[in-house]
C-alpha atoms as a PDB file:
ATOM      1  CA  MET A   1     -33.445  28.462  62.368  1.00  0.00           C
ATOM      2  CA  LEU A   2     -33.891  28.704  58.607  1.00  0.00           C
ATOM      3  CA  TYR A   3     -33.408  26.004  56.010  1.00  0.00           C
ATOM      4  CA  ILE A   4     -31.096  26.667  52.843  1.00  0.00           C
ATOM      5  CA  GLN A   5     -30.158  25.456  49.968  1.00  0.00           C
ATOM      6  CA  ARG A   6     -26.677  26.172  48.413  1.00  0.00           C
ATOM      7  CA  ASP A   7     -25.351  25.697  44.945  1.00  0.00           C
ATOM      8  CA  GLU A   8     -22.264  23.764  43.911  1.00  0.00           C
ATOM      9  CA  ASP A   9     -19.994  27.105  44.682  1.00  0.00           C
ATOM     10  CA  GLY A  10     -21.613  27.203  48.133  1.00  0.00           C
ATOM     11  CA  ASN A  11     -23.801  30.527  47.403  1.00  0.00           C
ATOM     12  CA  LEU A  12     -27.316  30.766  48.864  1.00  0.00           C
ATOM     13  CA  VAL A  13     -30.057  30.082  46.233  1.00  0.00           C
ATOM     14  CA  ARG A  14     -32.994  29.473  48.636  1.00  0.00           C
ATOM     15  CA  VAL A  15     -34.041  30.219  52.016  1.00  0.00           C
ATOM     16  CA  GLU A  16     -37.172  28.993  53.652  1.00  0.00           C
ATOM     17  CA  ALA A  17     -38.769  28.861  56.897  1.00  0.00           C
ATOM     18  CA  THR A  18     -39.715  25.234  56.847  1.00  0.00           C
ATOM     19  CA  GLU A  19     -37.793  22.285  55.724  1.00  0.00           C
ATOM     20  CA  PHE A  20     -37.826  21.514  51.841  1.00  0.00           C
ATOM     21  CA  ASP A  21     -36.622  18.506  49.700  1.00  0.00           C
ATOM     22  CA  GLN A  22     -33.533  20.287  48.462  1.00  0.00           C
ATOM     23  CA  MET A  23     -32.495  21.960  51.537  1.00  0.00           C
ATOM     24  CA  THR A  24     -28.742  21.335  52.017  1.00  0.00           C
ATOM     25  CA  GLY A  25     -28.480  22.859  55.413  1.00  0.00           C
ATOM     26  CA  THR A  26     -29.538  25.380  58.062  1.00  0.00           C
ATOM     27  CA  LEU A  27     -28.340  28.671  59.345  1.00  0.00           C
ATOM     28  CA  PRO A  28     -29.784  30.834  62.280  1.00  0.00           C
ATOM     29  CA  ALA A  29     -31.768  33.693  61.194  1.00  0.00           C
ATOM     30  CA  ASP A  30     -29.283  36.320  62.271  1.00  0.00           C
ATOM     31  CA  ASP A  31     -26.561  35.138  60.509  1.00  0.00           C
ATOM     32  CA  GLN A  32     -24.892  37.371  58.245  1.00  0.00           C
ATOM     33  CA  GLU A  33     -25.291  35.633  55.064  1.00  0.00           C
ATOM     34  CA  ILE A  34     -29.124  35.209  55.764  1.00  0.00           C
ATOM     35  CA  GLN A  35     -29.362  38.962  56.309  1.00  0.00           C
ATOM     36  CA  GLY A  36     -27.244  39.590  52.990  1.00  0.00           C
ATOM     37  CA  TRP A  37     -29.940  37.313  51.335  1.00  0.00           C
ATOM     38  CA  TYR A  38     -32.897  39.225  52.671  1.00  0.00           C
ATOM     39  CA  ALA A  39     -31.188  42.492  51.956  1.00  0.00           C
ATOM     40  CA  ASN A  40     -30.270  41.474  48.201  1.00  0.00           C
ATOM     41  CA  LEU A  41     -34.096  40.058  47.798  1.00  0.00           C
ATOM     42  CA  ALA A  42     -35.406  43.444  49.175  1.00  0.00           C
ATOM     43  CA  MET A  43     -33.087  45.229  46.585  1.00  0.00           C
ATOM     44  CA  GLN A  44     -34.279  42.920  43.689  1.00  0.00           C
ATOM     45  CA  SER A  45     -37.691  43.874  44.576  1.00  0.00           C
ATOM     46  CA  SER A  46     -37.277  47.616  44.727  1.00  0.00           C
ATOM     47  CA  LEU A  47     -35.373  47.375  41.133  1.00  0.00           C
ATOM     48  CA  LEU A  48     -38.055  45.527  39.549  1.00  0.00           C
ATOM     49  CA  GLN A  49     -40.630  48.102  41.124  1.00  0.00           C
ATOM     50  CA  LEU A  50     -38.547  50.819  39.886  1.00  0.00           C
ATOM     51  CA  LYS A  51     -38.409  49.443  36.249  1.00  0.00           C
ATOM     52  CA  GLN A  52     -42.056  48.713  36.248  1.00  0.00           C
ATOM     53  CA  SER A  53     -42.569  52.588  37.206  1.00  0.00           C
ATOM     54  CA  ASP A  54     -40.143  53.475  34.620  1.00  0.00           C
ATOM     55  CA  LEU A  55     -42.307  51.630  31.938  1.00  0.00           C
ATOM     56  CA  ASP A  56     -45.458  53.383  33.538  1.00  0.00           C
ATOM     57  CA  MET A  57     -43.633  56.724  33.212  1.00  0.00           C
ATOM     58  CA  ILE A  58     -42.623  56.090  29.494  1.00  0.00           C
ATOM     59  CA  ARG A  59     -46.698  55.840  28.679  1.00  0.00           C
ATOM     60  CA  VAL A  60     -47.200  59.014  30.845  1.00  0.00           C
ATOM     61  CA  LEU A  61     -44.598  61.028  28.944  1.00  0.00           C
ATOM     62  CA  ASP A  62     -45.785  59.556  25.522  1.00  0.00           C
ATOM     63  CA  ASP A  63     -49.353  60.792  26.527  1.00  0.00           C
ATOM     64  CA  LEU A  64     -48.130  64.115  27.695  1.00  0.00           C
ATOM     65  CA  ILE A  65     -46.209  64.858  24.335  1.00  0.00           C
ATOM     66  CA  THR A  66     -49.242  63.848  22.482  1.00  0.00           C
ATOM     67  CA  VAL A  67     -51.356  66.333  24.135  1.00  0.00           C
ATOM     68  CA  LEU A  68     -48.813  69.107  24.071  1.00  0.00           C
ATOM     69  CA  MET A  69     -48.933  68.383  20.195  1.00  0.00           C
ATOM     70  CA  THR A  70     -52.574  68.275  20.002  1.00  0.00           C
ATOM     71  CA  LYS A  71     -52.910  71.649  21.558  1.00  0.00           C
ATOM     72  CA  GLY A  72     -50.175  73.296  19.654  1.00  0.00           C
ATOM     73  CA  LEU A  73     -47.660  74.110  22.266  1.00  0.00           C
ATOM     74  CA  ILE A  74     -45.057  71.745  20.434  1.00  0.00           C
ATOM     75  CA  ARG A  75     -44.553  70.301  16.863  1.00  0.00           C
ATOM     76  CA  ILE A  76     -42.967  66.913  16.366  1.00  0.00           C
ATOM     77  CA  THR A  77     -40.439  68.904  14.294  1.00  0.00           C
ATOM     78  CA  ASP A  78     -39.265  70.675  17.594  1.00  0.00           C
ATOM     79  CA  LEU A  79     -37.974  67.405  18.815  1.00  0.00           C
ATOM     80  CA  PRO A  80     -34.779  65.666  17.783  1.00  0.00           C
ATOM     81  CA  PRO A  81     -34.747  63.426  14.790  1.00  0.00           C
ATOM     82  CA  ALA A  82     -34.217  60.355  16.888  1.00  0.00           C
ATOM     83  CA  ALA A  83     -37.203  61.375  19.239  1.00  0.00           C
ATOM     84  CA  GLN A  84     -39.457  61.747  16.186  1.00  0.00           C
ATOM     85  CA  SER A  85     -38.586  58.508  14.827  1.00  0.00           C
ATOM     86  CA  LYS A  86     -39.465  56.929  17.932  1.00  0.00           C
ATOM     87  CA  LEU A  87     -42.732  58.712  18.747  1.00  0.00           C
ATOM     88  CA  LEU A  88     -43.940  58.012  15.319  1.00  0.00           C
ATOM     89  CA  SER A  89     -42.992  54.298  15.651  1.00  0.00           C
ATOM     90  CA  ARG A  90     -44.607  54.104  19.033  1.00  0.00           C
ATOM     91  CA  ASN A  91     -47.930  55.848  17.685  1.00  0.00           C
ATOM     92  CA  GLN A  92     -47.904  53.651  14.606  1.00  0.00           C
ATOM     93  CA  ALA A  93     -47.834  50.392  17.114  1.00  0.00           C
ATOM     94  CA  ARG A  94     -50.628  52.015  19.466  1.00  0.00           C
ATOM     95  CA  GLU A  95     -52.868  52.719  16.689  1.00  0.00           C
ATOM     96  CA  ALA A  96     -52.469  49.025  15.344  1.00  0.00           C
ATOM     97  CA  LEU A  97     -53.078  47.963  18.556  1.00  0.00           C
ATOM     98  CA  GLY A  98     -56.007  50.211  18.716  1.00  0.00           C
ATOM     99  CA  GLY A  99     -58.089  48.433  16.402  1.00  0.00           C
ATOM    100  CA  ILE A 100     -57.456  45.157  18.560  1.00  0.00           C
ATOM    101  CA  SER A 101     -58.429  46.883  21.766  1.00  0.00           C
ATOM    102  CA  ARG A 102     -61.780  48.247  20.177  1.00  0.00           C
ATOM    103  CA  LEU A 103     -62.501  44.586  19.164  1.00  0.00           C
ATOM    104  CA  ILE A 104     -62.198  43.581  22.730  1.00  0.00           C
ATOM    105  CA  VAL A 105     -64.137  46.176  24.015  1.00  0.00           C
ATOM    106  CA  GLU A 106     -66.905  45.535  21.667  1.00  0.00           C
ATOM    107  CA  GLU A 107     -67.034  41.923  22.673  1.00  0.00           C
ATOM    108  CA  ASP A 108     -67.145  42.703  26.289  1.00  0.00           C
ATOM    109  CA  ASP A 109     -70.072  45.167  25.694  1.00  0.00           C
ATOM    110  CA  GLU A 110     -71.893  42.406  23.895  1.00  0.00           C
ATOM    111  CA  ILE A 111     -71.131  39.940  26.611  1.00  0.00           C
ATOM    112  CA  GLY A 112     -72.369  42.496  29.366  1.00  0.00           C
ATOM    113  CA  SER A 113     -75.428  43.432  27.397  1.00  0.00           C
ATOM    114  CA  GLY A 114     -76.451  39.734  27.037  1.00  0.00           C
ATOM    115  CA  LEU A 115     -76.258  39.615  23.391  1.00  0.00           C
ATOM    116  CA  ILE A 116     -73.958  36.631  23.165  1.00  0.00           C
END
């Protein structure tokens, strides 16, 4: 038996294995509504994981483009104007943060060496 909480419209908003203060009822674990609840949670988790990997891939592509330009295999002018603008904007933001990250690394180095 699982303990549930429903909203005003009767939709499941919480499912727990143990009783909790806001529970509004119970359902058997094999109930279709419970199965749908857990399937939805799994889907949300997968979507969140995919979204995070998208952010990671953006950084990979950003670095790949930088490497290709550094090696002279492509020029920024080979890209469409919108892509050029986005890359330049990202590079400026990363450079601005580079100064901050260098300060953090320097502080870490000093702490690690016992200077502070």
